[in-house]
Amino acid sequence: MDIALLKTFLAVSETGSFAAASDRLFVTQSAVSLRVQRLEELLNRTLFVRSRAGAELTPSGREFEAYAISLIQNWEKARQQVALPDGFDRSLNIGAQISLWPRLGFKWVDALRAEQPRLGLRCEVGTPDQLTHDMTEGVMQIALTYNPTLRPGMAVERVLDEDLVLAASWKNPGLSDLRGRYVYVDWGPDFFQFHNQALPDLANPGLTLAMGALAARYLADREFAAYLPARYVKRYTDRGMMAVVPGAPVYTQSVWSVWRDDLEEDLADVAHRTLKSVVQGAEADMQDITDLV
């Protein structure tokens, strides 16, 4: 079975569109159509009902979907196992949104390597949609995200409630002196509503950074203020490079972990235990910072 045919089938199934699947796979729409046609010929079944509205799975398509996912996942397992370098006997692929790697994901990797020195690790950055896609295909076994999507074969668990605090890169900042040196960091629609209600005077500062905690690097070299994760701000406050704005409202959002059900039980136990220990440290960092607000 051609893996490209299966991945194309799943891309159409997930997006509901041949055009959207072609964008995801970086191939032409005609290539997507030909791959699906080839798969239908191999199975001797029609997998999609095509219409102007998109593509919908037929009963045969819905039945085949679970097999397609299983085939791709088994392929990924085999590919990862064969690719292991000498000295390693297992592998684990972890993905996370970019803001969840500093002071959380990286420390988790350190803890896993200390507990399982023969475990090969691959770590990736992705958007919530990318992480869900990679989890579905078995490319990734665990993901950290602010916006989890539950799919068959996966489990979702709350990791921690993360505080976003208003931090500035100059000494003794106050709410009254932010005009002209405030950056809006886009943390999603819920944060947008909170921000407009809590700080209406800063609703449209003219500079928006949709790059999560990476925005701290911009602030560090300039006199600007922005909302950033408390656990991340701590590294800068400890060095005297940032200060929390007293009296500024704190926004809390949840961090989630997504786990594949077929992760080996003993490896899942180690991953859960090490993540829990890292989270305890992150929560202590957050408390140190939020106490300053």
C-alpha atoms as a PDB file:
ATOM      1  CA  MET A   1       0.000   0.000   0.000  1.00  0.00           C
ATOM      2  CA  ASP A   2       1.325   3.430  -0.987  1.00  0.00           C
ATOM      3  CA  ILE A   3       1.542   5.565   2.180  1.00  0.00           C
ATOM      4  CA  ALA A   4       1.037   8.725   0.079  1.00  0.00           C
ATOM      5  CA  LEU A   5      -2.396   7.446  -0.952  1.00  0.00           C
ATOM      6  CA  LEU A   6      -3.390   6.921   2.685  1.00  0.00           C
ATOM      7  CA  LYS A   7      -2.119  10.325   3.773  1.00  0.00           C
ATOM      8  CA  THR A   8      -3.991  11.979   0.923  1.00  0.00           C
ATOM      9  CA  PHE A   9      -7.189  10.141   1.844  1.00  0.00           C
ATOM     10  CA  LEU A  10      -6.888  11.298   5.464  1.00  0.00           C
ATOM     11  CA  ALA A  11      -6.098  14.869   4.428  1.00  0.00           C
ATOM     12  CA  VAL A  12      -9.317  15.025   2.392  1.00  0.00           C
ATOM     13  CA  SER A  13     -11.246  13.357   5.214  1.00  0.00           C
ATOM     14  CA  GLU A  14      -9.976  15.814   7.833  1.00  0.00           C
ATOM     15  CA  THR A  15     -10.345  18.988   5.745  1.00  0.00           C
ATOM     16  CA  GLY A  16     -13.507  17.998   3.883  1.00  0.00           C
ATOM     17  CA  SER A  17     -12.076  19.392   0.668  1.00  0.00           C
ATOM     18  CA  PHE A  18      -9.792  18.309  -2.141  1.00  0.00           C
ATOM     19  CA  ALA A  19      -8.518  21.895  -2.446  1.00  0.00           C
ATOM     20  CA  ALA A  20      -7.721  22.167   1.272  1.00  0.00           C
ATOM     21  CA  ALA A  21      -6.009  18.768   1.166  1.00  0.00           C
ATOM     22  CA  SER A  22      -3.807  19.927  -1.715  1.00  0.00           C
ATOM     23  CA  ASP A  23      -2.759  22.974   0.337  1.00  0.00           C
ATOM     24  CA  ARG A  24      -1.911  20.801   3.323  1.00  0.00           C
ATOM     25  CA  LEU A  25       0.077  18.296   1.272  1.00  0.00           C
ATOM     26  CA  PHE A  26       1.745  20.882  -1.000  1.00  0.00           C
ATOM     27  CA  VAL A  27       0.606  19.121  -4.165  1.00  0.00           C
ATOM     28  CA  THR A  28      -1.821  20.101  -6.910  1.00  0.00           C
ATOM     29  CA  GLN A  29      -5.531  19.437  -6.572  1.00  0.00           C
ATOM     30  CA  SER A  30      -5.365  17.148  -9.593  1.00  0.00           C
ATOM     31  CA  ALA A  31      -2.697  15.072  -7.804  1.00  0.00           C
ATOM     32  CA  VAL A  32      -5.025  14.719  -4.804  1.00  0.00           C
ATOM     33  CA  SER A  33      -7.866  13.613  -7.092  1.00  0.00           C
ATOM     34  CA  LEU A  34      -5.656  11.064  -8.840  1.00  0.00           C
ATOM     35  CA  ARG A  35      -4.428   9.611  -5.542  1.00  0.00           C
ATOM     36  CA  VAL A  36      -7.956   9.245  -4.195  1.00  0.00           C
ATOM     37  CA  GLN A  37      -9.077   7.709  -7.472  1.00  0.00           C
ATOM     38  CA  ARG A  38      -6.186   5.242  -7.337  1.00  0.00           C
ATOM     39  CA  LEU A  39      -7.108   4.257  -3.767  1.00  0.00           C
ATOM     40  CA  GLU A  40     -10.753   3.804  -4.731  1.00  0.00           C
ATOM     41  CA  GLU A  41      -9.672   1.543  -7.597  1.00  0.00           C
ATOM     42  CA  LEU A  42      -7.538  -0.551  -5.244  1.00  0.00           C
ATOM     43  CA  LEU A  43     -10.416  -0.941  -2.784  1.00  0.00           C
ATOM     44  CA  ASN A  44     -13.109  -1.155  -5.455  1.00  0.00           C
ATOM     45  CA  ARG A  45     -15.173   1.254  -3.390  1.00  0.00           C
ATOM     46  CA  THR A  46     -16.168   4.928  -3.622  1.00  0.00           C
ATOM     47  CA  LEU A  47     -14.679   6.734  -0.621  1.00  0.00           C
ATOM     48  CA  PHE A  48     -16.006  10.276  -1.064  1.00  0.00           C
ATOM     49  CA  VAL A  49     -19.116  11.984  -2.325  1.00  0.00           C
ATOM     50  CA  ARG A  50     -17.922  15.040  -4.260  1.00  0.00           C
ATOM     51  CA  SER A  51     -19.999  18.202  -4.383  1.00  0.00           C
ATOM     52  CA  ARG A  52     -19.576  21.962  -4.611  1.00  0.00           C
ATOM     53  CA  ALA A  53     -19.590  22.028  -0.818  1.00  0.00           C
ATOM     54  CA  GLY A  54     -16.562  19.739  -0.644  1.00  0.00           C
ATOM     55  CA  ALA A  55     -16.001  16.039  -0.100  1.00  0.00           C
ATOM     56  CA  GLU A  56     -17.895  13.839   2.360  1.00  0.00           C
ATOM     57  CA  LEU A  57     -17.004  10.299   3.338  1.00  0.00           C
ATOM     58  CA  THR A  58     -19.223   7.527   2.060  1.00  0.00           C
ATOM     59  CA  PRO A  59     -20.097   4.643   4.430  1.00  0.00           C
ATOM     60  CA  SER A  60     -17.190   2.726   2.889  1.00  0.00           C
ATOM     61  CA  GLY A  61     -14.942   5.747   3.408  1.00  0.00           C
ATOM     62  CA  ARG A  62     -15.887   6.022   7.075  1.00  0.00           C
ATOM     63  CA  GLU A  63     -15.190   2.310   7.567  1.00  0.00           C
ATOM     64  CA  PHE A  64     -11.823   2.568   5.821  1.00  0.00           C
ATOM     65  CA  GLU A  65     -10.725   5.667   7.770  1.00  0.00           C
ATOM     66  CA  ALA A  66      -9.827   3.736  10.931  1.00  0.00           C
ATOM     67  CA  TYR A  67      -7.782   1.247   8.892  1.00  0.00           C
ATOM     68  CA  ALA A  68      -5.980   4.069   7.087  1.00  0.00           C
ATOM     69  CA  ILE A  69      -5.028   5.685  10.391  1.00  0.00           C
ATOM     70  CA  SER A  70      -3.831   2.343  11.780  1.00  0.00           C
ATOM     71  CA  LEU A  71      -1.731   1.596   8.682  1.00  0.00           C
ATOM     72  CA  ILE A  72      -0.013   4.996   8.797  1.00  0.00           C
ATOM     73  CA  GLN A  73       0.614   4.731  12.522  1.00  0.00           C
ATOM     74  CA  ASN A  74       2.210   1.292  12.137  1.00  0.00           C
ATOM     75  CA  TRP A  75       4.364   2.618   9.310  1.00  0.00           C
ATOM     76  CA  GLU A  76       5.526   5.537  11.488  1.00  0.00           C
ATOM     77  CA  LYS A  77       6.344   3.180  14.360  1.00  0.00           C
ATOM     78  CA  ALA A  78       8.419   0.988  12.081  1.00  0.00           C
ATOM     79  CA  ARG A  79      10.159   3.956  10.462  1.00  0.00           C
ATOM     80  CA  GLN A  80      11.084   5.512  13.811  1.00  0.00           C
ATOM     81  CA  GLN A  81      12.295   2.214  15.279  1.00  0.00           C
ATOM     82  CA  VAL A  82      14.488   1.385  12.290  1.00  0.00           C
ATOM     83  CA  ALA A  83      15.959   4.907  12.328  1.00  0.00           C
ATOM     84  CA  LEU A  84      17.137   4.669  15.950  1.00  0.00           C
ATOM     85  CA  PRO A  85      20.898   5.285  16.291  1.00  0.00           C
ATOM     86  CA  ASP A  86      23.193   2.838  18.063  1.00  0.00           C
ATOM     87  CA  GLY A  87      22.852   2.931  21.837  1.00  0.00           C
ATOM     88  CA  PHE A  88      19.110   3.669  21.825  1.00  0.00           C
ATOM     89  CA  ASP A  89      16.341   1.106  21.999  1.00  0.00           C
ATOM     90  CA  ARG A  90      13.151   3.204  21.886  1.00  0.00           C
ATOM     91  CA  SER A  91      11.986   6.544  20.550  1.00  0.00           C
ATOM     92  CA  LEU A  92       9.526   9.243  21.559  1.00  0.00           C
ATOM     93  CA  ASN A  93       8.372  12.207  19.519  1.00  0.00           C
ATOM     94  CA  ILE A  94       7.085  15.198  21.520  1.00  0.00           C
ATOM     95  CA  GLY A  95       5.530  18.305  19.993  1.00  0.00           C
ATOM     96  CA  ALA A  96       4.506  21.595  21.557  1.00  0.00           C
ATOM     97  CA  GLN A  97       3.470  25.101  20.682  1.00  0.00           C
ATOM     98  CA  ILE A  98       6.466  27.387  20.662  1.00  0.00           C
ATOM     99  CA  SER A  99       5.620  29.143  23.940  1.00  0.00           C
ATOM    100  CA  LEU A 100       5.513  25.840  25.814  1.00  0.00           C
ATOM    101  CA  TRP A 101       9.095  24.802  25.141  1.00  0.00           C
ATOM    102  CA  PRO A 102      11.003  27.345  27.305  1.00  0.00           C
ATOM    103  CA  ARG A 103      11.040  26.447  31.018  1.00  0.00           C
ATOM    104  CA  LEU A 104       8.564  23.582  30.474  1.00  0.00           C
ATOM    105  CA  GLY A 105       9.170  21.419  27.400  1.00  0.00           C
ATOM    106  CA  PHE A 106      12.974  21.687  27.504  1.00  0.00           C
ATOM    107  CA  LYS A 107      13.073  20.818  31.204  1.00  0.00           C
ATOM    108  CA  TRP A 108      10.808  17.852  30.493  1.00  0.00           C
ATOM    109  CA  VAL A 109      13.284  16.646  27.875  1.00  0.00           C
ATOM    110  CA  ASP A 110      16.101  16.914  30.447  1.00  0.00           C
ATOM    111  CA  ALA A 111      14.080  14.894  32.949  1.00  0.00           C
ATOM    112  CA  LEU A 112      13.222  12.217  30.389  1.00  0.00           C
ATOM    113  CA  ARG A 113      16.855  11.880  29.302  1.00  0.00           C
ATOM    114  CA  ALA A 114      17.938  11.497  32.931  1.00  0.00           C
ATOM    115  CA  GLU A 115      15.352   8.753  33.548  1.00  0.00           C
ATOM    116  CA  GLN A 116      15.659   6.995  30.178  1.00  0.00           C
ATOM    117  CA  PRO A 117      19.171   7.455  28.749  1.00  0.00           C
ATOM    118  CA  ARG A 118      18.498   4.921  25.993  1.00  0.00           C
ATOM    119  CA  LEU A 119      15.364   6.733  24.828  1.00  0.00           C
ATOM    120  CA  GLY A 120      15.747   8.571  21.521  1.00  0.00           C
ATOM    121  CA  LEU A 121      13.833  11.863  21.556  1.00  0.00           C
ATOM    122  CA  ARG A 122      12.600  14.044  18.729  1.00  0.00           C
ATOM    123  CA  CYS A 123      11.111  17.425  19.653  1.00  0.00           C
ATOM    124  CA  GLU A 124       9.059  19.628  17.352  1.00  0.00           C
ATOM    125  CA  VAL A 125       7.258  22.970  17.286  1.00  0.00           C
ATOM    126  CA  GLY A 126       3.800  23.160  15.749  1.00  0.00           C
ATOM    127  CA  THR A 127       0.460  24.920  15.654  1.00  0.00           C
ATOM    128  CA  PRO A 128      -2.477  23.164  17.364  1.00  0.00           C
ATOM    129  CA  ASP A 129      -3.716  21.899  13.983  1.00  0.00           C
ATOM    130  CA  GLN A 130      -0.273  20.616  13.006  1.00  0.00           C
ATOM    131  CA  LEU A 131       0.144  18.850  16.326  1.00  0.00           C
ATOM    132  CA  THR A 132      -3.262  17.170  16.007  1.00  0.00           C
ATOM    133  CA  HIS A 133      -2.435  16.056  12.472  1.00  0.00           C
ATOM    134  CA  ASP A 134       0.906  14.562  13.511  1.00  0.00           C
ATOM    135  CA  MET A 135      -0.677  12.839  16.501  1.00  0.00           C
ATOM    136  CA  THR A 136      -3.380  11.330  14.279  1.00  0.00           C
ATOM    137  CA  GLU A 137      -0.818   9.928  11.860  1.00  0.00           C
ATOM    138  CA  GLY A 138       1.342   8.494  14.638  1.00  0.00           C
ATOM    139  CA  VAL A 139       4.276  10.759  13.798  1.00  0.00           C
ATOM    140  CA  MET A 140       4.021  12.231  17.307  1.00  0.00           C
ATOM    141  CA  GLN A 141       3.157  10.479  20.570  1.00  0.00           C
ATOM    142  CA  ILE A 142       2.681  13.418  22.990  1.00  0.00           C
ATOM    143  CA  ALA A 143       1.835  17.076  22.437  1.00  0.00           C
ATOM    144  CA  LEU A 144       1.622  20.155  24.672  1.00  0.00           C
ATOM    145  CA  THR A 145      -0.885  22.752  23.547  1.00  0.00           C
ATOM    146  CA  TYR A 146      -3.230  25.512  24.632  1.00  0.00           C
ATOM    147  CA  ASN A 147      -5.922  24.296  22.205  1.00  0.00           C
ATOM    148  CA  PRO A 148      -6.276  20.499  22.303  1.00  0.00           C
ATOM    149  CA  THR A 149      -8.389  18.501  19.866  1.00  0.00           C
ATOM    150  CA  LEU A 150      -9.581  15.086  20.972  1.00  0.00           C
ATOM    151  CA  ARG A 151      -9.421  12.469  18.233  1.00  0.00           C
ATOM    152  CA  PRO A 152      -9.911   8.682  18.364  1.00  0.00           C
ATOM    153  CA  GLY A 153      -6.916   6.979  19.942  1.00  0.00           C
ATOM    154  CA  MET A 154      -5.927  10.013  22.008  1.00  0.00           C
ATOM    155  CA  ALA A 155      -6.402  11.224  25.577  1.00  0.00           C
ATOM    156  CA  VAL A 156      -6.289  14.837  26.763  1.00  0.00           C
ATOM    157  CA  GLU A 157      -5.147  15.923  30.235  1.00  0.00           C
ATOM    158  CA  ARG A 158      -4.815  19.346  31.855  1.00  0.00           C
ATOM    159  CA  VAL A 159      -1.163  20.084  32.636  1.00  0.00           C
ATOM    160  CA  LEU A 160      -1.423  23.384  34.478  1.00  0.00           C
ATOM    161  CA  ASP A 161      -3.200  26.722  34.519  1.00  0.00           C
ATOM    162  CA  GLU A 162      -0.712  29.244  33.222  1.00  0.00           C
ATOM    163  CA  ASP A 163      -0.737  32.900  34.262  1.00  0.00           C
ATOM    164  CA  LEU A 164       0.014  35.624  31.735  1.00  0.00           C
ATOM    165  CA  VAL A 165       1.354  38.742  33.439  1.00  0.00           C
ATOM    166  CA  LEU A 166       2.038  42.220  32.140  1.00  0.00           C
ATOM    167  CA  ALA A 167       5.811  42.682  32.133  1.00  0.00           C
ATOM    168  CA  ALA A 168       7.983  45.624  31.024  1.00  0.00           C
ATOM    169  CA  SER A 169      11.666  45.894  30.180  1.00  0.00           C
ATOM    170  CA  TRP A 170      12.371  48.979  32.314  1.00  0.00           C
ATOM    171  CA  LYS A 171      12.548  49.572  36.043  1.00  0.00           C
ATOM    172  CA  ASN A 172       9.518  50.469  38.137  1.00  0.00           C
ATOM    173  CA  PRO A 173       6.897  50.293  35.366  1.00  0.00           C
ATOM    174  CA  GLY A 174       3.353  51.484  36.020  1.00  0.00           C
ATOM    175  CA  LEU A 175       0.035  51.155  34.209  1.00  0.00           C
ATOM    176  CA  SER A 176       0.056  54.913  33.563  1.00  0.00           C
ATOM    177  CA  ASP A 177       3.304  54.941  31.562  1.00  0.00           C
ATOM    178  CA  LEU A 178       2.612  52.205  28.978  1.00  0.00           C
ATOM    179  CA  ARG A 179       1.262  54.368  26.168  1.00  0.00           C
ATOM    180  CA  GLY A 180       3.557  54.364  23.191  1.00  0.00           C
ATOM    181  CA  ARG A 181       5.593  51.417  24.423  1.00  0.00           C
ATOM    182  CA  TYR A 182       3.114  48.591  24.684  1.00  0.00           C
ATOM    183  CA  VAL A 183       3.028  45.510  22.425  1.00  0.00           C
ATOM    184  CA  TYR A 184      -0.092  43.392  22.032  1.00  0.00           C
ATOM    185  CA  VAL A 185       0.814  39.689  22.024  1.00  0.00           C
ATOM    186  CA  ASP A 186      -1.939  37.630  20.425  1.00  0.00           C
ATOM    187  CA  TRP A 187      -2.854  34.807  22.802  1.00  0.00           C
ATOM    188  CA  GLY A 188      -6.143  33.937  21.064  1.00  0.00           C
ATOM    189  CA  PRO A 189      -9.777  35.114  21.034  1.00  0.00           C
ATOM    190  CA  ASP A 190     -10.443  34.598  24.755  1.00  0.00           C
ATOM    191  CA  PHE A 191      -7.430  36.714  25.667  1.00  0.00           C
ATOM    192  CA  PHE A 192      -8.582  39.355  23.167  1.00  0.00           C
ATOM    193  CA  GLN A 193     -11.900  39.703  25.002  1.00  0.00           C
ATOM    194  CA  PHE A 194     -10.186  39.817  28.396  1.00  0.00           C
ATOM    195  CA  HIS A 195      -7.739  42.439  27.154  1.00  0.00           C
ATOM    196  CA  ASN A 196     -10.407  44.707  25.683  1.00  0.00           C
ATOM    197  CA  GLN A 197     -12.395  44.645  28.915  1.00  0.00           C
ATOM    198  CA  ALA A 198      -9.444  44.928  31.332  1.00  0.00           C
ATOM    199  CA  LEU A 199      -7.246  47.389  29.419  1.00  0.00           C
ATOM    200  CA  PRO A 200      -9.412  49.234  26.865  1.00  0.00           C
ATOM    201  CA  ASP A 201      -6.893  52.094  26.575  1.00  0.00           C
ATOM    202  CA  LEU A 202      -4.312  49.637  25.219  1.00  0.00           C
ATOM    203  CA  ALA A 203      -6.678  47.789  22.886  1.00  0.00           C
ATOM    204  CA  ASN A 204      -4.981  48.935  19.676  1.00  0.00           C
ATOM    205  CA  PRO A 205      -1.328  49.783  20.308  1.00  0.00           C
ATOM    206  CA  GLY A 206      -0.334  49.536  16.636  1.00  0.00           C
ATOM    207  CA  LEU A 207       2.094  46.655  17.137  1.00  0.00           C
ATOM    208  CA  THR A 208       0.913  43.051  17.442  1.00  0.00           C
ATOM    209  CA  LEU A 209       3.187  40.028  17.780  1.00  0.00           C
ATOM    210  CA  ALA A 210       1.542  36.663  17.098  1.00  0.00           C
ATOM    211  CA  MET A 211       4.521  34.642  18.277  1.00  0.00           C
ATOM    212  CA  GLY A 212       3.749  33.764  21.887  1.00  0.00           C
ATOM    213  CA  ALA A 213       6.539  33.876  24.448  1.00  0.00           C
ATOM    214  CA  LEU A 214       9.080  34.574  21.713  1.00  0.00           C
ATOM    215  CA  ALA A 215       7.878  38.187  21.958  1.00  0.00           C
ATOM    216  CA  ALA A 216       9.957  38.463  25.139  1.00  0.00           C
ATOM    217  CA  ARG A 217      13.080  38.570  22.975  1.00  0.00           C
ATOM    218  CA  TYR A 218      11.725  41.697  21.306  1.00  0.00           C
ATOM    219  CA  LEU A 219      10.947  43.349  24.627  1.00  0.00           C
ATOM    220  CA  ALA A 220      14.295  42.496  26.176  1.00  0.00           C
ATOM    221  CA  ASP A 221      16.211  44.779  23.815  1.00  0.00           C
ATOM    222  CA  ARG A 222      13.668  47.626  23.776  1.00  0.00           C
ATOM    223  CA  GLU A 223      11.611  49.529  26.324  1.00  0.00           C
ATOM    224  CA  PHE A 224       8.294  47.811  25.732  1.00  0.00           C
ATOM    225  CA  ALA A 225       5.680  45.996  27.798  1.00  0.00           C
ATOM    226  CA  ALA A 226       3.509  42.982  26.941  1.00  0.00           C
ATOM    227  CA  TYR A 227       1.610  40.031  28.395  1.00  0.00           C
ATOM    228  CA  LEU A 228       3.867  36.996  28.741  1.00  0.00           C
ATOM    229  CA  PRO A 229       3.777  33.663  30.639  1.00  0.00           C
ATOM    230  CA  ALA A 230       4.836  34.162  34.258  1.00  0.00           C
ATOM    231  CA  ARG A 231       7.104  31.083  34.129  1.00  0.00           C
ATOM    232  CA  TYR A 232       8.896  32.654  31.154  1.00  0.00           C
ATOM    233  CA  VAL A 233       9.107  36.156  32.628  1.00  0.00           C
ATOM    234  CA  LYS A 234      10.955  34.772  35.656  1.00  0.00           C
ATOM    235  CA  ARG A 235      14.146  34.179  33.662  1.00  0.00           C
ATOM    236  CA  TYR A 236      14.189  37.894  32.833  1.00  0.00           C
ATOM    237  CA  THR A 237      13.225  39.186  36.271  1.00  0.00           C
ATOM    238  CA  ASP A 238      15.960  37.047  37.828  1.00  0.00           C
ATOM    239  CA  ARG A 239      18.472  38.847  35.590  1.00  0.00           C
ATOM    240  CA  GLY A 240      17.005  42.284  36.220  1.00  0.00           C
ATOM    241  CA  MET A 241      15.962  42.589  32.565  1.00  0.00           C
ATOM    242  CA  MET A 242      12.202  42.856  33.182  1.00  0.00           C
ATOM    243  CA  ALA A 243       9.756  43.883  35.872  1.00  0.00           C
ATOM    244  CA  VAL A 244       6.114  42.984  36.432  1.00  0.00           C
ATOM    245  CA  VAL A 245       3.687  45.906  36.179  1.00  0.00           C
ATOM    246  CA  PRO A 246       2.058  46.200  39.641  1.00  0.00           C
ATOM    247  CA  GLY A 247      -1.725  46.224  39.683  1.00  0.00           C
ATOM    248  CA  ALA A 248      -2.096  44.861  36.150  1.00  0.00           C
ATOM    249  CA  PRO A 249      -4.770  42.177  35.755  1.00  0.00           C
ATOM    250  CA  VAL A 250      -3.547  38.589  35.329  1.00  0.00           C
ATOM    251  CA  TYR A 251      -4.931  36.344  32.582  1.00  0.00           C
ATOM    252  CA  THR A 252      -5.031  32.574  33.133  1.00  0.00           C
ATOM    253  CA  GLN A 253      -5.134  29.974  30.387  1.00  0.00           C
ATOM    254  CA  SER A 254      -4.861  26.194  30.542  1.00  0.00           C
ATOM    255  CA  VAL A 255      -2.033  24.101  29.143  1.00  0.00           C
ATOM    256  CA  TRP A 256      -3.008  20.607  27.983  1.00  0.00           C
ATOM    257  CA  SER A 257      -1.151  17.437  27.114  1.00  0.00           C
ATOM    258  CA  VAL A 258      -2.408  15.077  24.412  1.00  0.00           C
ATOM    259  CA  TRP A 259      -1.328  11.432  24.599  1.00  0.00           C
ATOM    260  CA  ARG A 260      -1.627   8.636  22.103  1.00  0.00           C
ATOM    261  CA  ASP A 261      -3.398   5.594  23.570  1.00  0.00           C
ATOM    262  CA  ASP A 262      -0.887   3.182  22.056  1.00  0.00           C
ATOM    263  CA  LEU A 263       2.125   4.680  23.855  1.00  0.00           C
ATOM    264  CA  GLU A 264       3.907   1.870  25.736  1.00  0.00           C
ATOM    265  CA  GLU A 265       2.600   1.761  29.294  1.00  0.00           C
ATOM    266  CA  ASP A 266       5.954   1.956  31.078  1.00  0.00           C
ATOM    267  CA  LEU A 267       7.088   4.814  28.837  1.00  0.00           C
ATOM    268  CA  ALA A 268       3.817   6.646  29.428  1.00  0.00           C
ATOM    269  CA  ASP A 269       4.334   6.252  33.190  1.00  0.00           C
ATOM    270  CA  VAL A 270       7.821   7.766  32.988  1.00  0.00           C
ATOM    271  CA  ALA A 271       6.587  10.608  30.777  1.00  0.00           C
ATOM    272  CA  HIS A 272       3.706  11.396  33.145  1.00  0.00           C
ATOM    273  CA  ARG A 273       5.942  11.318  36.211  1.00  0.00           C
ATOM    274  CA  THR A 274       8.658  13.525  34.753  1.00  0.00           C
ATOM    275  CA  LEU A 275       6.147  15.995  33.335  1.00  0.00           C
ATOM    276  CA  LYS A 276       4.489  16.265  36.747  1.00  0.00           C
ATOM    277  CA  SER A 277       7.803  17.118  38.418  1.00  0.00           C
ATOM    278  CA  VAL A 278       8.586  19.766  35.783  1.00  0.00           C
ATOM    279  CA  VAL A 279       5.107  21.272  36.141  1.00  0.00           C
ATOM    280  CA  GLN A 280       5.606  21.636  39.891  1.00  0.00           C
ATOM    281  CA  GLY A 281       8.699  23.725  39.202  1.00  0.00           C
ATOM    282  CA  ALA A 282       6.850  25.820  36.618  1.00  0.00           C
ATOM    283  CA  GLU A 283       4.017  26.460  39.074  1.00  0.00           C
ATOM    284  CA  ALA A 284       6.534  27.636  41.685  1.00  0.00           C
ATOM    285  CA  ASP A 285       8.034  30.040  39.123  1.00  0.00           C
ATOM    286  CA  MET A 286       4.579  31.381  38.284  1.00  0.00           C
ATOM    287  CA  GLN A 287       3.762  31.920  41.942  1.00  0.00           C
ATOM    288  CA  ASP A 288       6.967  33.893  42.463  1.00  0.00           C
ATOM    289  CA  ILE A 289       5.997  36.245  39.635  1.00  0.00           C
ATOM    290  CA  THR A 290       2.265  36.605  40.297  1.00  0.00           C
ATOM    291  CA  ASP A 291       3.093  37.522  43.907  1.00  0.00           C
ATOM    292  CA  LEU A 292       4.664  40.677  42.472  1.00  0.00           C
ATOM    293  CA  VAL A 293       1.474  41.852  40.730  1.00  0.00           C
END
